[in-house]
């Protein structure tokens, strides 16, 4: 079986995340986002690639939404209420609570810009009725074959990575995530899973961010310098997520510095969002949860609603205006008024999608921006780009991929050249096959398939046979401790690692079966053939008297004595294997050694025949499986004296 991944959005770009994954007969849509940089047909995914007839209920098993950002959920009301999808939709409880606020704010901005209405307030409400909320680490059985599970992703409140399993095939779709905690959210957390596929975002595929504290100091310094000089600070941001993070930071700084400059939210949306944040404390960082009883971090004393009549009012202020990236709406209206003044500051706290005004401001020092053919904005204000993005950086992505160690990885939600660099790192450093598909492309990867098989009685009995291994280890004799002395003594260690090899037999019309190798030979009517190695060589002996031949040497020492002495030498030098003294022969695994009494042994090399020192020849035999062990024993014998 294979896993097919159709990329409908965020393929080699940031925007309109949407991936349709076919896994063992089930078809899941992960995210249903819109592109903030387009107002034409490129705004939404091409849903016709899912079903040419528009029968999305039969084409999809379910839809999973990772979080409430518009590039992940912005097309959902359109897909359900206009395109007609009526199947199940899964997301976390916070995402279900906060998504309508984001969608309604976006709909109002479309109205203000005079764009064709893609969906209505009623569409949003009806869409949310189809949503089935899930808790973190709750295993949900979508049907008898498909199960899903959500894991904490950080990023924004309610964001989740989703695990999906059908039969033996399993995968994780990360959505957006953050591997480091911030002021109001914890770091992403996920179990170590066995995965065929990991689909991960790669927004900052090649970026290693500085410490959070350094970024916070830079942001606060820029804001303070601007308001101290009488300027106005515009922070274009979406109402949920970064707005709360930066408000916590500014609230703390304002209290410490005793500043009286007003901080505004552009509308009641974020005030309403803060109410939800207060109710969803369990989804926030550990610090906020611990201090909640005495102080709610989302009670902002210095933050108030902004009246639009204050746009041109004199005096300094800080204004959070939606939407982020300055894609339109009130943030664009304020930017047009404040941009011509050198005293003012525009702070862009995170990633801006290509095609937005925010992206143009980040790309270079601009003096003019053409909004349309009739409108030009003079840009003289200060521009600060600060990395307060809730996305993980390159190190975080590599850490997650290494931790989960999937068989395959797909990168989405990133810029093409940077994704290519990260892809090479994943393949070269982690040895994991990685892909970076473009929009509307399909990637096919193999999936895991386990075979259920019976086991023969002979095979099971072979698994039960003891497999004792003896080794010596050093330890301290405690009886010497009272006298401040210790003595190292050798102790015998015994292990019993029981493992065996079998053969999987699949006969036509019969259930698969694991049998012992001897049974397989019998089944084929063949006899067992084994390759044996043999070697005869001399071993030095301590000088006693002038003995001229091997036969004379054996008169002085009987074979059992020689074998006993050899056993003692090997016991001291050899750490692996069980040494069996069989009288006139020693055995270690398949390796057998005995005293050779023949002067014309066929296994003796001619170079060994002329030997001036006193020695005795030993004949050795072993199978190919123990070749490494055999040569180790022979080396010990050649370097020892009996």
Foldseek 3Di string as FASTA:
>chain_A
DWKKKAFQDQFQFAFQGWIWIQDPNAIEIEFWAFGLQDQDPNRGGPCCVQPVVLPVQVSHLEYEFQAQDRRGHVCQLLCCVVSNHQAAYEFAPLRLVQNLLLNVVVQVQCVVVVHDRSDDNVSSVVSSVRYDHDDAQDWDPSDPFKIKHWWQFWQFQRGTWMWIGGAQAIEIERPFHAQCAADKAHHTDDDQDAHQEYEYECAFQPDDDDDPVVLLVVVVVVQVVLQVVFAEEEEAAQLGGVVLRVLLSVLVVCVVVVDQAAEEEADCSNVVVLVVCLVRSVRIDPVQVVCVVPDHSSPRPRYDYDDPVCLPPGGYHYYYYDDALCSGDPSVVSCLVRQQDQSYEYERADDHGPNGVSVVVVVDDDQWDDPDPVDIGGGNYHYHYGHPRRGYHNVSVLVVCQSNVHQEYEYGNYNNVSVVVSQVCCCPVVVHHYYRGGRRDMDMDRGDDDADAAEDPVVVVQQVDWDKKKFKDWDWDCVCVVVVDIDIDIDIDIDTDGDDDWDWDDDPPDGIYTYHPVVVCVVVVHDDDFDKDKAKAKFAADDDDDDDDQVSVCVVPPQQRVLVVLLVLCNVVPGIFDWDRPRQWIDGPQKIKGWDPDLPDVRYDPVRNDDDGDITMMMIMGTPVCPVVNVVSVVSRRPDYD
